[in-house]
C-alpha atoms as a PDB file:
ATOM      1  CA  MET A   1       3.137  15.092   4.269  1.00  0.00           C
ATOM      2  CA  LYS A   2       3.400  11.877   6.290  1.00  0.00           C
ATOM      3  CA  ILE A   3       2.119   8.719   4.583  1.00  0.00           C
ATOM      4  CA  GLY A   4       1.240   5.299   6.020  1.00  0.00           C
ATOM      5  CA  VAL A   5       1.213   2.294   3.684  1.00  0.00           C
ATOM      6  CA  ILE A   6      -0.470  -1.039   4.422  1.00  0.00           C
ATOM      7  CA  SER A   7      -1.654  -4.052   2.481  1.00  0.00           C
ATOM      8  CA  ASP A   8      -3.260  -7.428   2.991  1.00  0.00           C
ATOM      9  CA  THR A   9      -5.163  -6.598   6.152  1.00  0.00           C
ATOM     10  CA  HIS A  10      -7.646  -9.368   5.279  1.00  0.00           C
ATOM     11  CA  GLY A  11     -10.288  -7.852   7.562  1.00  0.00           C
ATOM     12  CA  PHE A  12      -7.933  -6.993  10.445  1.00  0.00           C
ATOM     13  CA  PHE A  13      -7.032  -3.508  11.713  1.00  0.00           C
ATOM     14  CA  ASP A  14      -5.920  -3.413  15.340  1.00  0.00           C
ATOM     15  CA  TYR A  15      -4.532  -1.017  17.941  1.00  0.00           C
ATOM     16  CA  LYS A  16      -0.919  -1.826  16.960  1.00  0.00           C
ATOM     17  CA  LEU A  17      -1.541  -0.550  13.427  1.00  0.00           C
ATOM     18  CA  ARG A  18      -3.446   2.435  14.783  1.00  0.00           C
ATOM     19  CA  ARG A  19      -0.551   3.333  17.069  1.00  0.00           C
ATOM     20  CA  PHE A  20       1.995   3.034  14.238  1.00  0.00           C
ATOM     21  CA  LEU A  21      -0.184   5.107  11.895  1.00  0.00           C
ATOM     22  CA  GLU A  22      -1.504   7.667  14.389  1.00  0.00           C
ATOM     23  CA  ASN A  23       0.751  10.502  13.145  1.00  0.00           C
ATOM     24  CA  VAL A  24       0.285   9.991   9.394  1.00  0.00           C
ATOM     25  CA  ASP A  25      -1.776  12.353   7.271  1.00  0.00           C
ATOM     26  CA  GLU A  26      -3.258   9.577   5.147  1.00  0.00           C
ATOM     27  CA  ILE A  27      -3.136   5.831   4.619  1.00  0.00           C
ATOM     28  CA  TRP A  28      -2.534   4.064   1.306  1.00  0.00           C
ATOM     29  CA  HIS A  29      -3.866   0.485   1.201  1.00  0.00           C
ATOM     30  CA  ALA A  30      -2.529  -1.826  -1.527  1.00  0.00           C
ATOM     31  CA  GLY A  31      -5.447  -4.250  -1.536  1.00  0.00           C
ATOM     32  CA  ASP A  32      -6.899  -7.321   0.132  1.00  0.00           C
ATOM     33  CA  ILE A  33      -8.700  -5.045   2.555  1.00  0.00           C
ATOM     34  CA  GLY A  34     -11.016  -7.831   3.646  1.00  0.00           C
ATOM     35  CA  SER A  35     -14.325  -5.984   3.869  1.00  0.00           C
ATOM     36  CA  LEU A  36     -15.973  -2.607   3.497  1.00  0.00           C
ATOM     37  CA  LYS A  37     -16.442  -2.619   7.269  1.00  0.00           C
ATOM     38  CA  VAL A  38     -12.663  -2.653   7.776  1.00  0.00           C
ATOM     39  CA  ALA A  39     -12.144  -0.075   5.016  1.00  0.00           C
ATOM     40  CA  ASP A  40     -14.671   2.183   6.745  1.00  0.00           C
ATOM     41  CA  GLU A  41     -12.915   1.653  10.083  1.00  0.00           C
ATOM     42  CA  ILE A  42      -9.580   2.694   8.564  1.00  0.00           C
ATOM     43  CA  ALA A  43     -11.186   5.649   6.746  1.00  0.00           C
ATOM     44  CA  GLU A  44     -12.732   6.882  10.012  1.00  0.00           C
ATOM     45  CA  PHE A  45      -9.274   6.757  11.588  1.00  0.00           C
ATOM     46  CA  LYS A  46      -7.376   8.531   8.750  1.00  0.00           C
ATOM     47  CA  PRO A  47      -8.094   9.497   5.140  1.00  0.00           C
ATOM     48  CA  LEU A  48      -7.871   6.253   3.144  1.00  0.00           C
ATOM     49  CA  TYR A  49      -6.750   5.776  -0.452  1.00  0.00           C
ATOM     50  CA  ALA A  50      -7.108   2.125  -1.396  1.00  0.00           C
ATOM     51  CA  VAL A  51      -7.394  -0.438  -4.155  1.00  0.00           C
ATOM     52  CA  HIS A  52      -9.154  -3.773  -4.045  1.00  0.00           C
ATOM     53  CA  GLY A  53      -7.252  -7.043  -4.030  1.00  0.00           C
ATOM     54  CA  ASN A  54      -7.945 -10.570  -5.194  1.00  0.00           C
ATOM     55  CA  ILE A  55      -9.712 -11.613  -1.961  1.00  0.00           C
ATOM     56  CA  ASP A  56     -12.001  -8.578  -1.812  1.00  0.00           C
ATOM     57  CA  ASP A  57     -15.683  -9.129  -2.512  1.00  0.00           C
ATOM     58  CA  ALA A  58     -17.788  -7.528  -5.256  1.00  0.00           C
ATOM     59  CA  GLU A  59     -19.036  -4.789  -2.936  1.00  0.00           C
ATOM     60  CA  THR A  60     -15.473  -3.728  -2.079  1.00  0.00           C
ATOM     61  CA  ARG A  61     -14.478  -3.862  -5.756  1.00  0.00           C
ATOM     62  CA  VAL A  62     -17.241  -1.382  -6.593  1.00  0.00           C
ATOM     63  CA  VAL A  63     -15.942   1.142  -4.043  1.00  0.00           C
ATOM     64  CA  TYR A  64     -12.176   0.652  -4.496  1.00  0.00           C
ATOM     65  CA  PRO A  65     -10.555   0.427  -7.959  1.00  0.00           C
ATOM     66  CA  ARG A  66      -7.950  -2.046  -9.238  1.00  0.00           C
ATOM     67  CA  VAL A  67      -5.476   0.788  -9.898  1.00  0.00           C
ATOM     68  CA  LEU A  68      -5.312   4.151  -8.144  1.00  0.00           C
ATOM     69  CA  GLU A  69      -3.331   7.139  -9.387  1.00  0.00           C
ATOM     70  CA  LEU A  70      -2.436   9.867  -6.895  1.00  0.00           C
ATOM     71  CA  ARG A  71      -0.321  12.999  -6.903  1.00  0.00           C
ATOM     72  CA  ARG A  72       1.281  14.127  -3.642  1.00  0.00           C
ATOM     73  CA  GLU A  73       3.575  17.125  -3.482  1.00  0.00           C
ATOM     74  CA  ASN A  74       5.444  16.791  -6.803  1.00  0.00           C
ATOM     75  CA  LEU A  75       5.267  13.000  -7.068  1.00  0.00           C
ATOM     76  CA  GLY A  76       3.064  10.758  -9.181  1.00  0.00           C
ATOM     77  CA  ILE A  77       1.987   7.600  -7.340  1.00  0.00           C
ATOM     78  CA  ILE A  78       0.318   4.424  -8.578  1.00  0.00           C
ATOM     79  CA  ILE A  79      -1.152   1.820  -6.230  1.00  0.00           C
ATOM     80  CA  SER A  80      -2.370  -1.617  -7.329  1.00  0.00           C
ATOM     81  CA  HIS A  81      -2.572  -4.960  -5.574  1.00  0.00           C
ATOM     82  CA  ILE A  82      -0.752  -7.350  -7.910  1.00  0.00           C
ATOM     83  CA  VAL A  83       2.213  -5.634  -9.559  1.00  0.00           C
ATOM     84  CA  GLY A  84       5.154  -7.965  -8.958  1.00  0.00           C
ATOM     85  CA  TYR A  85       8.385  -6.080  -8.268  1.00  0.00           C
ATOM     86  CA  PRO A  86      11.259  -4.490 -10.214  1.00  0.00           C
ATOM     87  CA  GLY A  87      12.632  -6.939 -12.756  1.00  0.00           C
ATOM     88  CA  LYS A  88       9.597  -9.220 -12.302  1.00  0.00           C
ATOM     89  CA  TYR A  89       6.555  -7.009 -12.812  1.00  0.00           C
ATOM     90  CA  SER A  90       3.227  -8.687 -13.559  1.00  0.00           C
ATOM     91  CA  ALA A  91       1.864  -8.582 -17.116  1.00  0.00           C
ATOM     92  CA  ASN A  92      -0.696  -5.852 -16.343  1.00  0.00           C
ATOM     93  CA  SER A  93       1.929  -3.536 -14.800  1.00  0.00           C
ATOM     94  CA  GLY A  94       3.080  -2.249 -18.178  1.00  0.00           C
ATOM     95  CA  ASP A  95      -0.078  -0.136 -18.451  1.00  0.00           C
ATOM     96  CA  PHE A  96       0.745   1.967 -15.426  1.00  0.00           C
ATOM     97  CA  LEU A  97       4.547   1.936 -15.765  1.00  0.00           C
ATOM     98  CA  GLN A  98       4.021   3.894 -19.007  1.00  0.00           C
ATOM     99  CA  LYS A  99       2.597   6.709 -16.868  1.00  0.00           C
ATOM    100  CA  LYS A 100       6.039   7.136 -15.255  1.00  0.00           C
ATOM    101  CA  PRO A 101       5.092   7.244 -11.544  1.00  0.00           C
ATOM    102  CA  LYS A 102       7.796   8.107  -9.029  1.00  0.00           C
ATOM    103  CA  ILE A 103       6.259   5.742  -6.448  1.00  0.00           C
ATOM    104  CA  LEU A 104       4.699   2.354  -7.239  1.00  0.00           C
ATOM    105  CA  VAL A 105       2.937   0.538  -4.401  1.00  0.00           C
ATOM    106  CA  GLY A 106       1.882  -3.090  -4.610  1.00  0.00           C
ATOM    107  CA  GLY A 107       0.748  -5.791  -2.205  1.00  0.00           C
ATOM    108  CA  HIS A 108      -0.322  -9.427  -2.584  1.00  0.00           C
ATOM    109  CA  SER A 109       2.979 -11.208  -1.806  1.00  0.00           C
ATOM    110  CA  HIS A 110       2.832 -10.652   1.980  1.00  0.00           C
ATOM    111  CA  ILE A 111       6.565  -9.905   1.664  1.00  0.00           C
ATOM    112  CA  LEU A 112       7.915  -6.502   2.671  1.00  0.00           C
ATOM    113  CA  LYS A 113      10.029  -5.095  -0.163  1.00  0.00           C
ATOM    114  CA  ILE A 114      11.298  -1.583  -0.850  1.00  0.00           C
ATOM    115  CA  MET A 115      13.458  -1.172  -3.967  1.00  0.00           C
ATOM    116  CA  TYR A 116      14.565   1.576  -6.279  1.00  0.00           C
ATOM    117  CA  ASP A 117      13.809   0.624  -9.874  1.00  0.00           C
ATOM    118  CA  LYS A 118      16.560   2.282 -11.946  1.00  0.00           C
ATOM    119  CA  LYS A 119      15.042   1.269 -15.277  1.00  0.00           C
ATOM    120  CA  ASN A 120      11.681   2.953 -14.542  1.00  0.00           C
ATOM    121  CA  GLU A 121      13.102   5.627 -12.204  1.00  0.00           C
ATOM    122  CA  LEU A 122      10.666   4.903  -9.391  1.00  0.00           C
ATOM    123  CA  LEU A 123      10.586   3.737  -5.810  1.00  0.00           C
ATOM    124  CA  PHE A 124       8.764   0.414  -5.487  1.00  0.00           C
ATOM    125  CA  MET A 125       7.127  -0.436  -2.162  1.00  0.00           C
ATOM    126  CA  ASN A 126       5.306  -3.497  -0.948  1.00  0.00           C
ATOM    127  CA  PRO A 127       4.424  -3.008   2.729  1.00  0.00           C
ATOM    128  CA  GLY A 128       4.063  -6.750   3.303  1.00  0.00           C
ATOM    129  CA  ALA A 129       0.982  -7.927   5.192  1.00  0.00           C
ATOM    130  CA  ALA A 130      -0.610  -5.979   8.037  1.00  0.00           C
ATOM    131  CA  GLY A 131      -3.228  -8.617   8.831  1.00  0.00           C
ATOM    132  CA  ILE A 132      -3.094 -11.964  10.599  1.00  0.00           C
ATOM    133  CA  SER A 133      -4.201 -14.184   7.693  1.00  0.00           C
ATOM    134  CA  GLY A 134      -1.609 -15.718   5.405  1.00  0.00           C
ATOM    135  CA  PHE A 135       1.770 -17.419   5.459  1.00  0.00           C
ATOM    136  CA  HIS A 136       3.773 -14.436   6.739  1.00  0.00           C
ATOM    137  CA  ARG A 137       5.178 -14.687  10.265  1.00  0.00           C
ATOM    138  CA  VAL A 138       5.577 -10.980  10.913  1.00  0.00           C
ATOM    139  CA  ARG A 139       2.990  -8.280  10.240  1.00  0.00           C
ATOM    140  CA  THR A 140       4.436  -5.168   8.606  1.00  0.00           C
ATOM    141  CA  ALA A 141       3.516  -1.614   7.568  1.00  0.00           C
ATOM    142  CA  LEU A 142       5.384   1.449   6.304  1.00  0.00           C
ATOM    143  CA  ARG A 143       5.412   5.149   6.997  1.00  0.00           C
ATOM    144  CA  PHE A 144       7.455   7.937   5.443  1.00  0.00           C
ATOM    145  CA  ASN A 145       7.439  11.628   4.573  1.00  0.00           C
ATOM    146  CA  ILE A 146       7.054  13.292   1.193  1.00  0.00           C
ATOM    147  CA  LYS A 147       8.612  16.745   0.859  1.00  0.00           C
ATOM    148  CA  GLY A 148       8.440  18.109  -2.677  1.00  0.00           C
ATOM    149  CA  GLU A 149      10.093  15.388  -4.753  1.00  0.00           C
ATOM    150  CA  GLU A 150      11.875  13.792  -1.790  1.00  0.00           C
ATOM    151  CA  ILE A 151      10.866  10.646   0.097  1.00  0.00           C
ATOM    152  CA  GLU A 152      12.339  10.768   3.595  1.00  0.00           C
ATOM    153  CA  GLY A 153      12.291   8.986   6.930  1.00  0.00           C
ATOM    154  CA  MET A 154      11.141   5.540   5.762  1.00  0.00           C
ATOM    155  CA  GLU A 155      10.095   3.491   8.788  1.00  0.00           C
ATOM    156  CA  VAL A 156       8.980  -0.128   9.009  1.00  0.00           C
ATOM    157  CA  GLY A 157       6.569  -1.327  11.673  1.00  0.00           C
ATOM    158  CA  GLU A 158       6.774  -5.011  12.631  1.00  0.00           C
ATOM    159  CA  TRP A 159       4.523  -7.085  14.893  1.00  0.00           C
ATOM    160  CA  ASP A 160       4.060 -10.777  15.592  1.00  0.00           C
ATOM    161  CA  LYS A 161       0.921 -12.345  14.183  1.00  0.00           C
END
């Protein structure tokens, strides 16, 4: 299964992201989608599994939860917008770390970060920001394969704002 991971689109989903994500089976969005219109656009392109972020409006928050739990192949996955990162998790992260996911996806920081968390035995991913709003200088997204309990072929897409 090939997965695409994005975050912080802030209402922006362009042909560069489409091209990078064209061969994935599904897209995980770690919040700050920007609007239901953009979420629908992404969902029409590929199956979308998303959470809302702090900039998303009430309508988006009704459709997309704060925390999303998935199971792919033999891996438990948790996606939430504000999670911090290994060693500096946010206060609310304890709730879902207790569930022992093998993949934890967060957004919010606009900073691409992929780390193995030895303490919690999980792979942490923040795909950075795929949109054009915010302080980041480079737009980023991730894609990788899941085979059984293995995560393989991690790729980073980068584009100028």
